[in-house]
Full PDB file with SEQRES, HELIX, SHEET, SSBOND, CRYST1, ORIGX, SCALE, CONECT and MASTER records, all heavy atoms in Angstrom:
SEQRES   1 A   32  VAL GLU SER GLY ARG GLN GLY ALA LEU MET ALA PRO THR          
SEQRES   2 A   32  GLU THR LEU ALA GLU GLN HIS LEU ALA THR ILE ASP GLY          
SEQRES   3 A   32  LEU LEU GLY GLY THR LEU                                      
HELIX    1 AA1 GLU A   14  LEU A   28  1                                  15    
CRYST1    1.000    1.000    1.000  90.00  90.00  90.00 P 1           1          
ORIGX1      1.000000  0.000000  0.000000        0.00000                         
ORIGX2      0.000000  1.000000  0.000000        0.00000                         
ORIGX3      0.000000  0.000000  1.000000        0.00000                         
SCALE1      1.000000  0.000000  0.000000        0.00000                         
SCALE2      0.000000  1.000000  0.000000        0.00000                         
SCALE3      0.000000  0.000000  1.000000        0.00000                         
ATOM      1  N   VAL A   1      69.353  11.292 -28.816  1.00  0.00           N  
ATOM      2  CA  VAL A   1      69.078  10.225 -29.787  1.00  0.00           C  
ATOM      3  C   VAL A   1      69.031  10.791 -31.203  1.00  0.00           C  
ATOM      4  O   VAL A   1      69.570  10.202 -32.140  1.00  0.00           O  
ATOM      5  CB  VAL A   1      67.751   9.507 -29.443  1.00  0.00           C  
ATOM      6  CG1 VAL A   1      67.369   8.509 -30.524  1.00  0.00           C  
ATOM      7  CG2 VAL A   1      67.875   8.820 -28.094  1.00  0.00           C  
ATOM      8  N   GLU A   2      68.407  11.953 -31.339  1.00  0.00           N  
ATOM      9  CA  GLU A   2      68.314  12.618 -32.642  1.00  0.00           C  
ATOM     10  C   GLU A   2      69.706  12.891 -33.222  1.00  0.00           C  
ATOM     11  O   GLU A   2      69.894  12.883 -34.437  1.00  0.00           O  
ATOM     12  CB  GLU A   2      67.548  13.934 -32.443  1.00  0.00           C  
ATOM     13  CG  GLU A   2      67.377  14.787 -33.658  1.00  0.00           C  
ATOM     14  CD  GLU A   2      66.638  16.068 -33.306  1.00  0.00           C  
ATOM     15  OE1 GLU A   2      67.174  16.889 -32.526  1.00  0.00           O  
ATOM     16  OE2 GLU A   2      65.516  16.230 -33.799  1.00  0.00           O  
ATOM     17  N   SER A   3      70.677  13.073 -32.346  1.00  0.00           N  
ATOM     18  CA  SER A   3      72.054  13.347 -32.765  1.00  0.00           C  
ATOM     19  C   SER A   3      72.880  12.070 -32.892  1.00  0.00           C  
ATOM     20  O   SER A   3      74.106  12.128 -33.023  1.00  0.00           O  
ATOM     21  CB  SER A   3      72.728  14.274 -31.756  1.00  0.00           C  
ATOM     22  OG  SER A   3      72.031  15.488 -31.674  1.00  0.00           O  
ATOM     23  N   GLY A   4      72.217  10.918 -32.785  1.00  0.00           N  
ATOM     24  CA  GLY A   4      72.934   9.653 -32.914  1.00  0.00           C  
ATOM     25  C   GLY A   4      73.673   9.239 -31.654  1.00  0.00           C  
ATOM     26  O   GLY A   4      74.582   8.401 -31.710  1.00  0.00           O  
ATOM     27  N   ARG A   5      73.302   9.807 -30.525  1.00  0.00           N  
ATOM     28  CA  ARG A   5      73.986   9.511 -29.270  1.00  0.00           C  
ATOM     29  C   ARG A   5      73.030   8.793 -28.324  1.00  0.00           C  
ATOM     30  O   ARG A   5      71.957   8.373 -28.723  1.00  0.00           O  
ATOM     31  CB  ARG A   5      74.509  10.822 -28.666  1.00  0.00           C  
ATOM     32  CG  ARG A   5      75.179  11.684 -29.719  1.00  0.00           C  
ATOM     33  CD  ARG A   5      76.605  12.071 -29.689  1.00  0.00           C  
ATOM     34  NE  ARG A   5      77.402  12.005 -28.560  1.00  0.00           N  
ATOM     35  CZ  ARG A   5      77.887  13.060 -27.913  1.00  0.00           C  
ATOM     36  NH1 ARG A   5      77.541  14.276 -28.263  1.00  0.00           N  
ATOM     37  NH2 ARG A   5      78.705  12.895 -26.915  1.00  0.00           N  
ATOM     38  N   GLN A   6      73.405   8.660 -27.061  1.00  0.00           N  
ATOM     39  CA  GLN A   6      72.600   7.910 -26.104  1.00  0.00           C  
ATOM     40  C   GLN A   6      72.195   8.772 -24.917  1.00  0.00           C  
ATOM     41  O   GLN A   6      72.865   9.751 -24.579  1.00  0.00           O  
ATOM     42  CB  GLN A   6      73.403   6.710 -25.588  1.00  0.00           C  
ATOM     43  CG  GLN A   6      73.670   5.658 -26.650  1.00  0.00           C  
ATOM     44  CD  GLN A   6      74.635   4.607 -26.151  1.00  0.00           C  
ATOM     45  OE1 GLN A   6      75.776   4.911 -25.821  1.00  0.00           O  
ATOM     46  NE2 GLN A   6      74.169   3.357 -26.096  1.00  0.00           N  
ATOM     47  N   GLY A   7      71.101   8.346 -24.259  1.00  0.00           N  
ATOM     48  CA  GLY A   7      70.616   9.017 -23.071  1.00  0.00           C  
ATOM     49  C   GLY A   7      70.243   8.014 -21.995  1.00  0.00           C  
ATOM     50  O   GLY A   7      69.837   6.883 -22.305  1.00  0.00           O  
ATOM     51  N   ALA A   8      70.383   8.426 -20.734  1.00  0.00           N  
ATOM     52  CA  ALA A   8      70.059   7.564 -19.600  1.00  0.00           C  
ATOM     53  C   ALA A   8      69.297   8.369 -18.559  1.00  0.00           C  
ATOM     54  O   ALA A   8      69.638   9.520 -18.281  1.00  0.00           O  
ATOM     55  CB  ALA A   8      71.333   7.002 -18.978  1.00  0.00           C  
ATOM     56  N   LEU A   9      68.261   7.734 -17.994  1.00  0.00           N  
ATOM     57  CA  LEU A   9      67.511   8.334 -16.900  1.00  0.00           C  
ATOM     58  C   LEU A   9      67.692   7.434 -15.684  1.00  0.00           C  
ATOM     59  O   LEU A   9      67.385   6.244 -15.749  1.00  0.00           O  
ATOM     60  CB  LEU A   9      66.025   8.450 -17.259  1.00  0.00           C  
ATOM     61  CG  LEU A   9      65.166   9.245 -16.282  1.00  0.00           C  
ATOM     62  CD1 LEU A   9      63.945   9.805 -16.992  1.00  0.00           C  
ATOM     63  CD2 LEU A   9      64.730   8.447 -15.085  1.00  0.00           C  
ATOM     64  N   MET A  10      68.213   7.990 -14.595  1.00  0.00           N  
ATOM     65  CA  MET A  10      68.448   7.227 -13.376  1.00  0.00           C  
ATOM     66  C   MET A  10      67.497   7.688 -12.280  1.00  0.00           C  
ATOM     67  O   MET A  10      67.385   8.879 -12.002  1.00  0.00           O  
ATOM     68  CB  MET A  10      69.907   7.411 -12.900  1.00  0.00           C  
ATOM     69  CG  MET A  10      70.275   6.540 -11.720  1.00  0.00           C  
ATOM     70  SD  MET A  10      72.058   6.480 -11.367  1.00  0.00           S  
ATOM     71  CE  MET A  10      72.391   8.149 -10.790  1.00  0.00           C  
ATOM     72  N   ALA A  11      66.813   6.719 -11.673  1.00  0.00           N  
ATOM     73  CA  ALA A  11      65.872   6.981 -10.584  1.00  0.00           C  
ATOM     74  C   ALA A  11      66.328   6.208  -9.348  1.00  0.00           C  
ATOM     75  O   ALA A  11      67.002   5.179  -9.469  1.00  0.00           O  
ATOM     76  CB  ALA A  11      64.466   6.547 -10.996  1.00  0.00           C  
ATOM     77  N   PRO A  12      65.969   6.657  -8.152  1.00  0.00           N  
ATOM     78  CA  PRO A  12      66.488   6.033  -6.936  1.00  0.00           C  
ATOM     79  C   PRO A  12      65.850   4.692  -6.558  1.00  0.00           C  
ATOM     80  O   PRO A  12      66.411   3.968  -5.756  1.00  0.00           O  
ATOM     81  CB  PRO A  12      66.229   7.077  -5.856  1.00  0.00           C  
ATOM     82  CG  PRO A  12      65.073   7.865  -6.370  1.00  0.00           C  
ATOM     83  CD  PRO A  12      65.226   7.878  -7.862  1.00  0.00           C  
ATOM     84  N   THR A  13      64.695   4.358  -7.120  1.00  0.00           N  
ATOM     85  CA  THR A  13      64.034   3.096  -6.771  1.00  0.00           C  
ATOM     86  C   THR A  13      63.566   2.388  -8.029  1.00  0.00           C  
ATOM     87  O   THR A  13      63.330   3.020  -9.060  1.00  0.00           O  
ATOM     88  CB  THR A  13      62.807   3.324  -5.859  1.00  0.00           C  
ATOM     89  OG1 THR A  13      61.806   4.031  -6.610  1.00  0.00           O  
ATOM     90  CG2 THR A  13      63.180   4.093  -4.595  1.00  0.00           C  
ATOM     91  N   GLU A  14      63.421   1.073  -7.925  1.00  0.00           N  
ATOM     92  CA  GLU A  14      62.919   0.298  -9.061  1.00  0.00           C  
ATOM     93  C   GLU A  14      61.511   0.727  -9.429  1.00  0.00           C  
ATOM     94  O   GLU A  14      61.174   0.828 -10.615  1.00  0.00           O  
ATOM     95  CB  GLU A  14      62.959  -1.201  -8.747  1.00  0.00           C  
ATOM     96  CG  GLU A  14      64.354  -1.758  -8.784  1.00  0.00           C  
ATOM     97  CD  GLU A  14      64.395  -3.280  -8.780  1.00  0.00           C  
ATOM     98  OE1 GLU A  14      63.447  -3.913  -9.297  1.00  0.00           O  
ATOM     99  OE2 GLU A  14      65.385  -3.824  -8.272  1.00  0.00           O  
ATOM    100  N   THR A  15      60.689   0.978  -8.422  1.00  0.00           N  
ATOM    101  CA  THR A  15      59.305   1.379  -8.691  1.00  0.00           C  
ATOM    102  C   THR A  15      59.268   2.663  -9.508  1.00  0.00           C  
ATOM    103  O   THR A  15      58.529   2.753 -10.500  1.00  0.00           O  
ATOM    104  CB  THR A  15      58.530   1.564  -7.371  1.00  0.00           C  
ATOM    105  OG1 THR A  15      58.549   0.318  -6.664  1.00  0.00           O  
ATOM    106  CG2 THR A  15      57.104   1.999  -7.618  1.00  0.00           C  
ATOM    107  N   LEU A  16      60.053   3.652  -9.126  1.00  0.00           N  
ATOM    108  CA  LEU A  16      60.075   4.913  -9.860  1.00  0.00           C  
ATOM    109  C   LEU A  16      60.664   4.719 -11.257  1.00  0.00           C  
ATOM    110  O   LEU A  16      60.155   5.288 -12.236  1.00  0.00           O  
ATOM    111  CB  LEU A  16      60.852   5.978  -9.085  1.00  0.00           C  
ATOM    112  CG  LEU A  16      60.827   7.384  -9.663  1.00  0.00           C  
ATOM    113  CD1 LEU A  16      59.398   7.870  -9.900  1.00  0.00           C  
ATOM    114  CD2 LEU A  16      61.564   8.343  -8.736  1.00  0.00           C  
ATOM    115  N   ALA A  17      61.703   3.915 -11.375  1.00  0.00           N  
ATOM    116  CA  ALA A  17      62.282   3.637 -12.694  1.00  0.00           C  
ATOM    117  C   ALA A  17      61.241   2.968 -13.596  1.00  0.00           C  
ATOM    118  O   ALA A  17      61.111   3.315 -14.775  1.00  0.00           O  
ATOM    119  CB  ALA A  17      63.521   2.765 -12.555  1.00  0.00           C  
ATOM    120  N   GLU A  18      60.490   2.013 -13.054  1.00  0.00           N  
ATOM    121  CA  GLU A  18      59.438   1.340 -13.827  1.00  0.00           C  
ATOM    122  C   GLU A  18      58.359   2.335 -14.251  1.00  0.00           C  
ATOM    123  O   GLU A  18      57.853   2.267 -15.377  1.00  0.00           O  
ATOM    124  CB  GLU A  18      58.830   0.200 -13.015  1.00  0.00           C  
ATOM    125  CG  GLU A  18      59.769  -0.967 -12.834  1.00  0.00           C  
ATOM    126  CD  GLU A  18      59.308  -1.961 -11.774  1.00  0.00           C  
ATOM    127  OE1 GLU A  18      58.266  -1.727 -11.113  1.00  0.00           O  
ATOM    128  OE2 GLU A  18      60.000  -2.987 -11.609  1.00  0.00           O  
ATOM    129  N   GLN A  19      58.004   3.265 -13.358  1.00  0.00           N  
ATOM    130  CA  GLN A  19      57.007   4.284 -13.706  1.00  0.00           C  
ATOM    131  C   GLN A  19      57.517   5.168 -14.838  1.00  0.00           C  
ATOM    132  O   GLN A  19      56.772   5.491 -15.770  1.00  0.00           O  
ATOM    133  CB  GLN A  19      56.672   5.137 -12.481  1.00  0.00           C  
ATOM    134  CG  GLN A  19      55.855   4.417 -11.445  1.00  0.00           C  
ATOM    135  CD  GLN A  19      55.681   5.238 -10.166  1.00  0.00           C  
ATOM    136  OE1 GLN A  19      56.330   6.264  -9.959  1.00  0.00           O  
ATOM    137  NE2 GLN A  19      54.788   4.776  -9.305  1.00  0.00           N  
ATOM    138  N   HIS A  20      58.779   5.565 -14.757  1.00  0.00           N  
ATOM    139  CA  HIS A  20      59.360   6.388 -15.827  1.00  0.00           C  
ATOM    140  C   HIS A  20      59.353   5.625 -17.149  1.00  0.00           C  
ATOM    141  O   HIS A  20      59.019   6.193 -18.195  1.00  0.00           O  
ATOM    142  CB  HIS A  20      60.783   6.816 -15.486  1.00  0.00           C  
ATOM    143  CG  HIS A  20      60.854   7.981 -14.567  1.00  0.00           C  
ATOM    144  ND1 HIS A  20      60.240   9.188 -14.815  1.00  0.00           N  
ATOM    145  CD2 HIS A  20      61.490   8.138 -13.381  1.00  0.00           C  
ATOM    146  CE1 HIS A  20      60.476  10.028 -13.834  1.00  0.00           C  
ATOM    147  NE2 HIS A  20      61.230   9.410 -12.940  1.00  0.00           N  
ATOM    148  N   LEU A  21      59.732   4.351 -17.109  1.00  0.00           N  
ATOM    149  CA  LEU A  21      59.736   3.550 -18.328  1.00  0.00           C  
ATOM    150  C   LEU A  21      58.331   3.481 -18.928  1.00  0.00           C  
ATOM    151  O   LEU A  21      58.163   3.669 -20.137  1.00  0.00           O  
ATOM    152  CB  LEU A  21      60.262   2.144 -18.051  1.00  0.00           C  
ATOM    153  CG  LEU A  21      60.295   1.223 -19.272  1.00  0.00           C  
ATOM    154  CD1 LEU A  21      61.331   1.704 -20.281  1.00  0.00           C  
ATOM    155  CD2 LEU A  21      60.572  -0.202 -18.859  1.00  0.00           C  
ATOM    156  N   ALA A  22      57.332   3.237 -18.102  1.00  0.00           N  
ATOM    157  CA  ALA A  22      55.952   3.150 -18.592  1.00  0.00           C  
ATOM    158  C   ALA A  22      55.512   4.481 -19.205  1.00  0.00           C  
ATOM    159  O   ALA A  22      54.885   4.508 -20.274  1.00  0.00           O  
ATOM    160  CB  ALA A  22      55.015   2.743 -17.457  1.00  0.00           C  
ATOM    161  N   THR A  23      55.845   5.581 -18.552  1.00  0.00           N  
ATOM    162  CA  THR A  23      55.480   6.905 -19.068  1.00  0.00           C  
ATOM    163  C   THR A  23      56.165   7.173 -20.396  1.00  0.00           C  
ATOM    164  O   THR A  23      55.533   7.606 -21.371  1.00  0.00           O  
ATOM    165  CB  THR A  23      55.852   8.007 -18.054  1.00  0.00           C  
ATOM    166  OG1 THR A  23      55.135   7.771 -16.842  1.00  0.00           O  
ATOM    167  CG2 THR A  23      55.527   9.393 -18.591  1.00  0.00           C  
ATOM    168  N   ILE A  24      57.466   6.899 -20.453  1.00  0.00           N  
ATOM    169  CA  ILE A  24      58.232   7.147 -21.678  1.00  0.00           C  
ATOM    170  C   ILE A  24      57.742   6.252 -22.807  1.00  0.00           C  
ATOM    171  O   ILE A  24      57.541   6.710 -23.937  1.00  0.00           O  
ATOM    172  CB  ILE A  24      59.741   6.981 -21.407  1.00  0.00           C  
ATOM    173  CG1 ILE A  24      60.227   8.149 -20.531  1.00  0.00           C  
ATOM    174  CG2 ILE A  24      60.534   6.894 -22.702  1.00  0.00           C  
ATOM    175  CD1 ILE A  24      61.635   7.983 -19.998  1.00  0.00           C  
ATOM    176  N   ASP A  25      57.533   4.968 -22.521  1.00  0.00           N  
ATOM    177  CA  ASP A  25      56.997   4.057 -23.541  1.00  0.00           C  
ATOM    178  C   ASP A  25      55.661   4.557 -24.059  1.00  0.00           C  
ATOM    179  O   ASP A  25      55.399   4.532 -25.261  1.00  0.00           O  
ATOM    180  CB  ASP A  25      56.830   2.644 -22.970  1.00  0.00           C  
ATOM    181  CG  ASP A  25      58.073   1.790 -23.132  1.00  0.00           C  
ATOM    182  OD1 ASP A  25      58.935   2.123 -23.971  1.00  0.00           O  
ATOM    183  OD2 ASP A  25      58.186   0.781 -22.410  1.00  0.00           O  
ATOM    184  N   GLY A  26      54.809   5.023 -23.135  1.00  0.00           N  
ATOM    185  CA  GLY A  26      53.504   5.536 -23.534  1.00  0.00           C  
ATOM    186  C   GLY A  26      53.611   6.771 -24.420  1.00  0.00           C  
ATOM    187  O   GLY A  26      52.889   6.906 -25.406  1.00  0.00           O  
ATOM    188  N   LEU A  27      54.521   7.659 -24.077  1.00  0.00           N  
ATOM    189  CA  LEU A  27      54.693   8.880 -24.864  1.00  0.00           C  
ATOM    190  C   LEU A  27      55.309   8.591 -26.233  1.00  0.00           C  
ATOM    191  O   LEU A  27      54.965   9.240 -27.217  1.00  0.00           O  
ATOM    192  CB  LEU A  27      55.562   9.885 -24.102  1.00  0.00           C  
ATOM    193  CG  LEU A  27      54.917  10.508 -22.864  1.00  0.00           C  
ATOM    194  CD1 LEU A  27      55.949  11.269 -22.037  1.00  0.00           C  
ATOM    195  CD2 LEU A  27      53.763  11.423 -23.254  1.00  0.00           C  
ATOM    196  N   LEU A  28      56.210   7.619 -26.285  1.00  0.00           N  
ATOM    197  CA  LEU A  28      56.875   7.294 -27.551  1.00  0.00           C  
ATOM    198  C   LEU A  28      56.021   6.396 -28.438  1.00  0.00           C  
ATOM    199  O   LEU A  28      56.265   6.307 -29.645  1.00  0.00           O  
ATOM    200  CB  LEU A  28      58.226   6.623 -27.290  1.00  0.00           C  
ATOM    201  CG  LEU A  28      59.295   7.501 -26.650  1.00  0.00           C  
ATOM    202  CD1 LEU A  28      60.545   6.690 -26.376  1.00  0.00           C  
ATOM    203  CD2 LEU A  28      59.611   8.693 -27.547  1.00  0.00           C  
ATOM    204  N   GLY A  29      55.067   5.707 -27.844  1.00  0.00           N  
ATOM    205  CA  GLY A  29      54.184   4.843 -28.622  1.00  0.00           C  
ATOM    206  C   GLY A  29      54.904   3.750 -29.389  1.00  0.00           C  
ATOM    207  O   GLY A  29      54.489   3.389 -30.489  1.00  0.00           O  
ATOM    208  N   GLY A  30      56.003   3.252 -28.839  1.00  0.00           N  
ATOM    209  CA  GLY A  30      56.727   2.160 -29.477  1.00  0.00           C  
ATOM    210  C   GLY A  30      57.627   2.577 -30.624  1.00  0.00           C  
ATOM    211  O   GLY A  30      58.165   1.719 -31.333  1.00  0.00           O  
ATOM    212  N   THR A  31      57.809   3.877 -30.833  1.00  0.00           N  
ATOM    213  CA  THR A  31      58.630   4.340 -31.955  1.00  0.00           C  
ATOM    214  C   THR A  31      60.131   4.201 -31.712  1.00  0.00           C  
ATOM    215  O   THR A  31      60.907   4.245 -32.653  1.00  0.00           O  
ATOM    216  CB  THR A  31      58.340   5.818 -32.286  1.00  0.00           C  
ATOM    217  OG1 THR A  31      58.614   6.613 -31.118  1.00  0.00           O  
ATOM    218  CG2 THR A  31      56.895   6.010 -32.715  1.00  0.00           C  
ATOM    219  N   LEU A  32      60.519   4.014 -30.459  1.00  0.00           N  
ATOM    220  CA  LEU A  32      61.935   3.915 -30.110  1.00  0.00           C  
ATOM    221  C   LEU A  32      62.085   2.958 -28.937  1.00  0.00           C  
ATOM    222  O   LEU A  32      61.374   3.100 -27.939  1.00  0.00           O  
ATOM    223  CB  LEU A  32      62.456   5.308 -29.720  1.00  0.00           C  
ATOM    224  CG  LEU A  32      63.925   5.466 -29.428  1.00  0.00           C  
ATOM    225  CD1 LEU A  32      64.755   5.290 -30.703  1.00  0.00           C  
ATOM    226  CD2 LEU A  32      64.196   6.846 -28.837  1.00  0.00           C  
TER     227      LEU A  32                                                      
MASTER        0    0    0    1    0    0    0    6  226    1    0    3          
END                                                                             
């Protein structure tokens, strides 16, 4: 993202993907 590009995180289940999203949102604090 810092380089103006994109990133994707793929998880095998919806539950795990939702957990990753919650963790990432929490760490970013709404900045991105």
